[in-house]
């Protein structure tokens, strides 16, 4: 594990993580433009934020530093340990759970990962397999968390986004939060859009680059082999 200074405090990560870890090591941030957008979307309204698929918590840290109350969920046990470490000191405003969120309560499978080997640890999702086997993770629904006054939800769950929405219909219809959702899988897009339409939402694309010149560390070099961007959507309830 390694720890670097970031705009939101020290952040610990696995050194062999080829995306989040590599970016933090070189830039002192992970997807800085996306992070800034998330903070701005959450601002300006009373309520709480929900981070579904929080990973090691870099986006969670940004929201906490901005003064938000955050409920964060991460199913991978080893990644959750870093989420816990990275959010220490925010008692009373940060609430984390080592579970996934979906459309029902059950025990799911996730791939077993060797964190000492190079890999995209954030790319592991519920239902994925690995040559190392699988681990059991608990899944619950957003509605069962009984959260009140939810103003913002970030969802990054490797193709499981529609399931999260189905399990949070009551909460979403009641509070009409702004949502920032990963949308990078062609085979999952129709189901995701259908859920959003049924909830009365409209959306727009947001494709932030992984590299930005004004990164926290000031490194004026794109370490990636091409101009990578993330594929996300900003979702708002129709007025």
C-alpha atoms as a PDB file:
ATOM      1  CA  UNK A   1       0.000   0.000   0.000  1.00  0.00           C
ATOM      2  CA  UNK A   2       1.028   3.598  -0.603  1.00  0.00           C
ATOM      3  CA  UNK A   3      -0.209   6.926   0.717  1.00  0.00           C
ATOM      4  CA  UNK A   4      -0.061  10.266  -1.092  1.00  0.00           C
ATOM      5  CA  UNK A   5      -1.086  13.815  -0.294  1.00  0.00           C
ATOM      6  CA  UNK A   6      -4.193  14.998  -2.134  1.00  0.00           C
ATOM      7  CA  UNK A   7      -6.381  18.094  -2.111  1.00  0.00           C
ATOM      8  CA  UNK A   8      -8.705  16.225   0.248  1.00  0.00           C
ATOM      9  CA  UNK A   9      -6.113  14.867   2.673  1.00  0.00           C
ATOM     10  CA  UNK A  10      -3.870  11.779   2.639  1.00  0.00           C
ATOM     11  CA  UNK A  11      -5.187   8.910   0.517  1.00  0.00           C
ATOM     12  CA  UNK A  12      -4.009   5.301   0.807  1.00  0.00           C
ATOM     13  CA  UNK A  13      -4.239   2.905  -2.137  1.00  0.00           C
ATOM     14  CA  UNK A  14      -2.839  -0.374  -3.431  1.00  0.00           C
ATOM     15  CA  UNK A  15       0.377   0.320  -5.294  1.00  0.00           C
ATOM     16  CA  UNK A  16      -0.354  -2.149  -8.099  1.00  0.00           C
ATOM     17  CA  UNK A  17      -3.719  -0.590  -8.987  1.00  0.00           C
ATOM     18  CA  UNK A  18      -3.247   0.333 -12.651  1.00  0.00           C
ATOM     19  CA  UNK A  19      -5.827   3.114 -12.776  1.00  0.00           C
ATOM     20  CA  UNK A  20      -6.885   4.663  -9.465  1.00  0.00           C
ATOM     21  CA  UNK A  21      -3.601   3.886  -7.723  1.00  0.00           C
ATOM     22  CA  UNK A  22      -1.419   4.894 -10.647  1.00  0.00           C
ATOM     23  CA  UNK A  23      -3.282   8.171 -11.043  1.00  0.00           C
ATOM     24  CA  UNK A  24      -3.045   8.997  -7.337  1.00  0.00           C
ATOM     25  CA  UNK A  25       0.668   8.220  -7.308  1.00  0.00           C
ATOM     26  CA  UNK A  26       1.419  10.478 -10.292  1.00  0.00           C
ATOM     27  CA  UNK A  27      -1.219  13.202 -10.029  1.00  0.00           C
ATOM     28  CA  UNK A  28      -2.312  13.214  -6.390  1.00  0.00           C
ATOM     29  CA  UNK A  29      -5.867  12.727  -7.634  1.00  0.00           C
ATOM     30  CA  UNK A  30      -8.148  10.324  -9.444  1.00  0.00           C
ATOM     31  CA  UNK A  31     -10.172  11.731 -12.349  1.00  0.00           C
ATOM     32  CA  UNK A  32      -9.935  15.257 -11.011  1.00  0.00           C
ATOM     33  CA  UNK A  33     -12.457  16.766 -13.407  1.00  0.00           C
ATOM     34  CA  UNK A  34     -15.040  14.135 -12.517  1.00  0.00           C
ATOM     35  CA  UNK A  35     -14.373  14.693  -8.833  1.00  0.00           C
ATOM     36  CA  UNK A  36     -14.913  18.440  -9.151  1.00  0.00           C
ATOM     37  CA  UNK A  37     -18.149  17.880 -11.074  1.00  0.00           C
ATOM     38  CA  UNK A  38     -19.475  15.532  -8.387  1.00  0.00           C
ATOM     39  CA  UNK A  39     -18.782  18.088  -5.655  1.00  0.00           C
ATOM     40  CA  UNK A  40     -20.511  20.846  -7.642  1.00  0.00           C
ATOM     41  CA  UNK A  41     -23.565  18.682  -8.359  1.00  0.00           C
ATOM     42  CA  UNK A  42     -23.978  17.901  -4.665  1.00  0.00           C
ATOM     43  CA  UNK A  43     -23.697  21.534  -3.577  1.00  0.00           C
ATOM     44  CA  UNK A  44     -26.474  24.057  -3.035  1.00  0.00           C
ATOM     45  CA  UNK A  45     -29.166  21.945  -1.433  1.00  0.00           C
ATOM     46  CA  UNK A  46     -29.735  20.566   2.055  1.00  0.00           C
ATOM     47  CA  UNK A  47     -29.561  16.808   2.418  1.00  0.00           C
ATOM     48  CA  UNK A  48     -27.212  13.841   2.332  1.00  0.00           C
ATOM     49  CA  UNK A  49     -25.054  12.256  -0.361  1.00  0.00           C
ATOM     50  CA  UNK A  50     -24.842   8.559  -1.228  1.00  0.00           C
ATOM     51  CA  UNK A  51     -21.739   7.024  -2.839  1.00  0.00           C
ATOM     52  CA  UNK A  52     -22.597   3.613  -4.299  1.00  0.00           C
ATOM     53  CA  UNK A  53     -19.434   1.805  -5.334  1.00  0.00           C
ATOM     54  CA  UNK A  54     -17.158   4.077  -3.324  1.00  0.00           C
ATOM     55  CA  UNK A  55     -13.993   2.053  -3.960  1.00  0.00           C
ATOM     56  CA  UNK A  56     -11.156   3.431  -1.772  1.00  0.00           C
ATOM     57  CA  UNK A  57     -13.148   6.604  -1.170  1.00  0.00           C
ATOM     58  CA  UNK A  58     -11.462   9.364  -3.160  1.00  0.00           C
ATOM     59  CA  UNK A  59     -14.788  10.811  -4.344  1.00  0.00           C
ATOM     60  CA  UNK A  60     -16.169  10.297  -0.838  1.00  0.00           C
ATOM     61  CA  UNK A  61     -13.238  12.284   0.566  1.00  0.00           C
ATOM     62  CA  UNK A  62     -13.950  15.148  -1.836  1.00  0.00           C
ATOM     63  CA  UNK A  63     -17.586  15.323  -0.751  1.00  0.00           C
ATOM     64  CA  UNK A  64     -16.636  15.178   2.925  1.00  0.00           C
ATOM     65  CA  UNK A  65     -14.070  17.949   2.503  1.00  0.00           C
ATOM     66  CA  UNK A  66     -16.821  20.052   0.916  1.00  0.00           C
ATOM     67  CA  UNK A  67     -18.844  19.672   4.108  1.00  0.00           C
ATOM     68  CA  UNK A  68     -21.286  17.027   2.909  1.00  0.00           C
ATOM     69  CA  UNK A  69     -22.746  14.138   4.904  1.00  0.00           C
ATOM     70  CA  UNK A  70     -21.968  10.943   2.982  1.00  0.00           C
ATOM     71  CA  UNK A  71     -23.221   7.356   3.166  1.00  0.00           C
ATOM     72  CA  UNK A  72     -20.764   5.212   1.187  1.00  0.00           C
ATOM     73  CA  UNK A  73     -21.039   1.568   0.113  1.00  0.00           C
ATOM     74  CA  UNK A  74     -18.247  -0.720  -1.095  1.00  0.00           C
ATOM     75  CA  UNK A  75     -18.598  -4.527  -1.330  1.00  0.00           C
ATOM     76  CA  UNK A  76     -14.941  -5.594  -1.831  1.00  0.00           C
ATOM     77  CA  UNK A  77     -13.599  -6.277   1.706  1.00  0.00           C
ATOM     78  CA  UNK A  78      -9.976  -5.355   0.931  1.00  0.00           C
ATOM     79  CA  UNK A  79     -11.026  -2.157  -0.847  1.00  0.00           C
ATOM     80  CA  UNK A  80     -13.451  -1.330   1.947  1.00  0.00           C
ATOM     81  CA  UNK A  81     -10.544  -1.404   4.425  1.00  0.00           C
ATOM     82  CA  UNK A  82      -8.943   1.463   2.492  1.00  0.00           C
ATOM     83  CA  UNK A  83     -12.262   3.322   2.310  1.00  0.00           C
ATOM     84  CA  UNK A  84     -12.393   3.065   6.089  1.00  0.00           C
ATOM     85  CA  UNK A  85      -8.802   4.291   6.460  1.00  0.00           C
ATOM     86  CA  UNK A  86      -9.245   7.171   4.010  1.00  0.00           C
ATOM     87  CA  UNK A  87     -12.347   8.528   5.727  1.00  0.00           C
ATOM     88  CA  UNK A  88     -11.079   8.420   9.318  1.00  0.00           C
ATOM     89  CA  UNK A  89     -11.730  11.693  11.113  1.00  0.00           C
ATOM     90  CA  UNK A  90     -15.188  12.307   9.692  1.00  0.00           C
ATOM     91  CA  UNK A  91     -17.217  10.770  12.512  1.00  0.00           C
ATOM     92  CA  UNK A  92     -20.750  12.080  12.369  1.00  0.00           C
ATOM     93  CA  UNK A  93     -20.645  12.974   8.684  1.00  0.00           C
ATOM     94  CA  UNK A  94     -19.348   9.765   7.060  1.00  0.00           C
ATOM     95  CA  UNK A  95     -21.141   6.431   7.297  1.00  0.00           C
ATOM     96  CA  UNK A  96     -19.680   3.452   5.432  1.00  0.00           C
ATOM     97  CA  UNK A  97     -20.829  -0.122   4.934  1.00  0.00           C
ATOM     98  CA  UNK A  98     -19.070  -3.145   3.453  1.00  0.00           C
ATOM     99  CA  UNK A  99     -21.974  -4.182   1.219  1.00  0.00           C
ATOM    100  CA  UNK A 100     -23.157  -3.762  -2.330  1.00  0.00           C
ATOM    101  CA  UNK A 101     -26.479  -2.199  -3.277  1.00  0.00           C
ATOM    102  CA  UNK A 102     -28.830  -3.860  -5.747  1.00  0.00           C
ATOM    103  CA  UNK A 103     -32.497  -4.670  -6.338  1.00  0.00           C
ATOM    104  CA  UNK A 104     -32.890  -7.192  -3.497  1.00  0.00           C
ATOM    105  CA  UNK A 105     -31.185  -8.555  -0.397  1.00  0.00           C
ATOM    106  CA  UNK A 106     -28.972 -11.582  -1.095  1.00  0.00           C
ATOM    107  CA  UNK A 107     -25.441 -12.962  -0.992  1.00  0.00           C
ATOM    108  CA  UNK A 108     -23.629 -12.362  -4.290  1.00  0.00           C
ATOM    109  CA  UNK A 109     -20.338 -13.474  -5.797  1.00  0.00           C
ATOM    110  CA  UNK A 110     -17.431 -11.205  -6.678  1.00  0.00           C
ATOM    111  CA  UNK A 111     -14.042 -12.194  -8.099  1.00  0.00           C
ATOM    112  CA  UNK A 112     -11.219 -12.962  -5.717  1.00  0.00           C
ATOM    113  CA  UNK A 113      -8.392 -10.517  -6.457  1.00  0.00           C
ATOM    114  CA  UNK A 114      -4.667 -10.699  -5.811  1.00  0.00           C
ATOM    115  CA  UNK A 115      -4.026  -7.110  -4.729  1.00  0.00           C
ATOM    116  CA  UNK A 116      -0.276  -7.608  -4.875  1.00  0.00           C
ATOM    117  CA  UNK A 117      -0.453  -8.094  -8.658  1.00  0.00           C
ATOM    118  CA  UNK A 118      -1.115  -5.405 -11.248  1.00  0.00           C
ATOM    119  CA  UNK A 119      -4.769  -4.941 -12.050  1.00  0.00           C
ATOM    120  CA  UNK A 120      -7.777  -2.692 -12.382  1.00  0.00           C
ATOM    121  CA  UNK A 121      -9.243  -3.380  -8.957  1.00  0.00           C
ATOM    122  CA  UNK A 122     -12.063  -0.911  -9.480  1.00  0.00           C
ATOM    123  CA  UNK A 123     -13.191  -2.920 -12.494  1.00  0.00           C
ATOM    124  CA  UNK A 124     -14.366  -5.887 -10.416  1.00  0.00           C
ATOM    125  CA  UNK A 125     -18.127  -6.161 -10.223  1.00  0.00           C
ATOM    126  CA  UNK A 126     -20.868  -8.278  -8.708  1.00  0.00           C
ATOM    127  CA  UNK A 127     -21.271 -11.481 -10.698  1.00  0.00           C
ATOM    128  CA  UNK A 128     -17.791 -11.271 -12.229  1.00  0.00           C
ATOM    129  CA  UNK A 129     -15.486 -14.310 -12.086  1.00  0.00           C
ATOM    130  CA  UNK A 130     -11.754 -14.792 -11.618  1.00  0.00           C
ATOM    131  CA  UNK A 131      -9.222 -17.569 -12.130  1.00  0.00           C
ATOM    132  CA  UNK A 132      -8.622 -17.230  -8.383  1.00  0.00           C
ATOM    133  CA  UNK A 133     -12.251 -18.026  -7.608  1.00  0.00           C
ATOM    134  CA  UNK A 134     -14.880 -15.867  -5.972  1.00  0.00           C
ATOM    135  CA  UNK A 135     -15.811 -14.347  -2.626  1.00  0.00           C
ATOM    136  CA  UNK A 136     -19.212 -13.832  -1.053  1.00  0.00           C
ATOM    137  CA  UNK A 137     -20.477 -10.273  -0.586  1.00  0.00           C
ATOM    138  CA  UNK A 138     -23.718  -9.076   0.918  1.00  0.00           C
ATOM    139  CA  UNK A 139     -26.118  -7.027  -1.192  1.00  0.00           C
ATOM    140  CA  UNK A 140     -28.998  -4.919   0.117  1.00  0.00           C
ATOM    141  CA  UNK A 141     -31.216  -2.237  -1.417  1.00  0.00           C
ATOM    142  CA  UNK A 142     -30.932   1.518  -1.180  1.00  0.00           C
ATOM    143  CA  UNK A 143     -34.510   1.700   0.078  1.00  0.00           C
ATOM    144  CA  UNK A 144     -33.702  -0.679   2.948  1.00  0.00           C
ATOM    145  CA  UNK A 145     -31.060   1.765   4.233  1.00  0.00           C
ATOM    146  CA  UNK A 146     -33.929   4.067   5.286  1.00  0.00           C
ATOM    147  CA  UNK A 147     -31.998   7.222   4.414  1.00  0.00           C
ATOM    148  CA  UNK A 148     -33.791  10.549   4.591  1.00  0.00           C
ATOM    149  CA  UNK A 149     -33.466  13.692   2.466  1.00  0.00           C
ATOM    150  CA  UNK A 150     -31.122  12.205  -0.137  1.00  0.00           C
ATOM    151  CA  UNK A 151     -30.002  15.042  -2.415  1.00  0.00           C
ATOM    152  CA  UNK A 152     -27.233  13.391  -4.442  1.00  0.00           C
ATOM    153  CA  UNK A 153     -26.309   9.848  -5.490  1.00  0.00           C
ATOM    154  CA  UNK A 154     -23.157   8.694  -7.261  1.00  0.00           C
ATOM    155  CA  UNK A 155     -23.349   5.192  -8.749  1.00  0.00           C
ATOM    156  CA  UNK A 156     -20.275   3.403 -10.142  1.00  0.00           C
ATOM    157  CA  UNK A 157     -20.917  -0.326  -9.917  1.00  0.00           C
ATOM    158  CA  UNK A 158     -19.547  -1.945 -13.083  1.00  0.00           C
ATOM    159  CA  UNK A 159     -22.758  -2.572 -14.994  1.00  0.00           C
ATOM    160  CA  UNK A 160     -24.984  -3.027 -11.935  1.00  0.00           C
ATOM    161  CA  UNK A 161     -26.416   0.498 -12.123  1.00  0.00           C
ATOM    162  CA  UNK A 162     -29.964  -0.437 -13.178  1.00  0.00           C
ATOM    163  CA  UNK A 163     -30.229  -2.861 -10.262  1.00  0.00           C
ATOM    164  CA  UNK A 164     -29.228  -0.116  -7.821  1.00  0.00           C
ATOM    165  CA  UNK A 165     -31.947   2.149  -9.222  1.00  0.00           C
ATOM    166  CA  UNK A 166     -34.585  -0.583  -8.975  1.00  0.00           C
ATOM    167  CA  UNK A 167     -33.682  -1.122  -5.338  1.00  0.00           C
ATOM    168  CA  UNK A 168     -33.910   2.594  -4.617  1.00  0.00           C
ATOM    169  CA  UNK A 169     -37.154   3.561  -6.359  1.00  0.00           C
ATOM    170  CA  UNK A 170     -38.941   4.680  -3.203  1.00  0.00           C
ATOM    171  CA  UNK A 171     -36.035   6.847  -2.072  1.00  0.00           C
ATOM    172  CA  UNK A 172     -35.444   8.339  -5.516  1.00  0.00           C
ATOM    173  CA  UNK A 173     -39.099   9.085  -6.260  1.00  0.00           C
ATOM    174  CA  UNK A 174     -39.496  10.710  -2.844  1.00  0.00           C
ATOM    175  CA  UNK A 175     -36.359  12.873  -2.752  1.00  0.00           C
ATOM    176  CA  UNK A 176     -35.587  13.354  -6.475  1.00  0.00           C
ATOM    177  CA  UNK A 177     -31.806  13.515  -5.974  1.00  0.00           C
ATOM    178  CA  UNK A 178     -29.378  14.596  -8.654  1.00  0.00           C
ATOM    179  CA  UNK A 179     -27.557  11.438  -9.754  1.00  0.00           C
ATOM    180  CA  UNK A 180     -24.161  10.887 -11.355  1.00  0.00           C
ATOM    181  CA  UNK A 181     -24.034   7.428 -12.905  1.00  0.00           C
ATOM    182  CA  UNK A 182     -21.372   5.500 -14.791  1.00  0.00           C
ATOM    183  CA  UNK A 183     -22.637   4.569 -18.270  1.00  0.00           C
ATOM    184  CA  UNK A 184     -19.828   2.734 -20.036  1.00  0.00           C
ATOM    185  CA  UNK A 185     -21.367  -0.615 -20.993  1.00  0.00           C
ATOM    186  CA  UNK A 186     -23.259  -0.933 -24.256  1.00  0.00           C
ATOM    187  CA  UNK A 187     -25.024  -4.125 -23.169  1.00  0.00           C
ATOM    188  CA  UNK A 188     -26.372  -2.498 -19.979  1.00  0.00           C
ATOM    189  CA  UNK A 189     -27.391   0.887 -21.399  1.00  0.00           C
ATOM    190  CA  UNK A 190     -30.950   0.048 -22.445  1.00  0.00           C
ATOM    191  CA  UNK A 191     -31.846  -1.285 -18.989  1.00  0.00           C
ATOM    192  CA  UNK A 192     -30.259   1.723 -17.288  1.00  0.00           C
ATOM    193  CA  UNK A 193     -32.097   4.227 -19.479  1.00  0.00           C
ATOM    194  CA  UNK A 194     -35.386   2.370 -19.026  1.00  0.00           C
ATOM    195  CA  UNK A 195     -35.070   2.636 -15.245  1.00  0.00           C
ATOM    196  CA  UNK A 196     -34.266   6.344 -15.440  1.00  0.00           C
ATOM    197  CA  UNK A 197     -37.257   6.997 -17.697  1.00  0.00           C
ATOM    198  CA  UNK A 198     -39.566   5.104 -15.354  1.00  0.00           C
ATOM    199  CA  UNK A 199     -38.311   7.289 -12.495  1.00  0.00           C
ATOM    200  CA  UNK A 200     -39.082  10.462 -14.449  1.00  0.00           C
ATOM    201  CA  UNK A 201     -35.457  11.455 -15.041  1.00  0.00           C
ATOM    202  CA  UNK A 202     -33.627  13.075 -17.918  1.00  0.00           C
ATOM    203  CA  UNK A 203     -29.879  12.951 -18.396  1.00  0.00           C
ATOM    204  CA  UNK A 204     -26.883  14.329 -20.225  1.00  0.00           C
ATOM    205  CA  UNK A 205     -23.457  12.890 -20.970  1.00  0.00           C
ATOM    206  CA  UNK A 206     -20.391  13.833 -18.963  1.00  0.00           C
ATOM    207  CA  UNK A 207     -17.099  12.459 -20.280  1.00  0.00           C
ATOM    208  CA  UNK A 208     -14.218  13.774 -18.137  1.00  0.00           C
ATOM    209  CA  UNK A 209     -10.625  12.877 -19.069  1.00  0.00           C
ATOM    210  CA  UNK A 210      -8.462  10.847 -16.699  1.00  0.00           C
ATOM    211  CA  UNK A 211      -5.628  13.328 -17.246  1.00  0.00           C
ATOM    212  CA  UNK A 212      -5.910  17.066 -16.724  1.00  0.00           C
ATOM    213  CA  UNK A 213      -2.989  19.460 -16.929  1.00  0.00           C
ATOM    214  CA  UNK A 214      -3.934  21.301 -13.728  1.00  0.00           C
ATOM    215  CA  UNK A 215      -3.773  18.155 -11.597  1.00  0.00           C
ATOM    216  CA  UNK A 216      -2.981  18.427  -7.874  1.00  0.00           C
ATOM    217  CA  UNK A 217       0.636  17.232  -8.224  1.00  0.00           C
ATOM    218  CA  UNK A 218       1.302  19.545 -11.172  1.00  0.00           C
ATOM    219  CA  UNK A 219       2.694  16.786 -13.406  1.00  0.00           C
ATOM    220  CA  UNK A 220       2.512  18.062 -16.984  1.00  0.00           C
ATOM    221  CA  UNK A 221       2.491  14.640 -18.591  1.00  0.00           C
ATOM    222  CA  UNK A 222      -0.250  12.262 -19.690  1.00  0.00           C
ATOM    223  CA  UNK A 223       0.838   8.912 -18.229  1.00  0.00           C
ATOM    224  CA  UNK A 224      -1.846   6.989 -20.113  1.00  0.00           C
ATOM    225  CA  UNK A 225      -1.247   5.470 -23.537  1.00  0.00           C
ATOM    226  CA  UNK A 226      -4.145   7.461 -25.004  1.00  0.00           C
ATOM    227  CA  UNK A 227      -6.644  10.181 -24.096  1.00  0.00           C
ATOM    228  CA  UNK A 228      -8.852   8.148 -21.790  1.00  0.00           C
ATOM    229  CA  UNK A 229     -12.223   9.560 -20.738  1.00  0.00           C
ATOM    230  CA  UNK A 230     -14.885   8.241 -18.392  1.00  0.00           C
ATOM    231  CA  UNK A 231     -18.435   7.718 -19.655  1.00  0.00           C
ATOM    232  CA  UNK A 232     -20.968   8.998 -17.158  1.00  0.00           C
ATOM    233  CA  UNK A 233     -24.375  10.648 -17.160  1.00  0.00           C
ATOM    234  CA  UNK A 234     -25.746  13.488 -15.038  1.00  0.00           C
ATOM    235  CA  UNK A 235     -29.359  12.708 -14.164  1.00  0.00           C
ATOM    236  CA  UNK A 236     -32.037  15.107 -12.938  1.00  0.00           C
ATOM    237  CA  UNK A 237     -35.730  14.636 -12.225  1.00  0.00           C
ATOM    238  CA  UNK A 238     -37.944  16.266 -14.843  1.00  0.00           C
ATOM    239  CA  UNK A 239     -39.577  19.410 -13.508  1.00  0.00           C
END
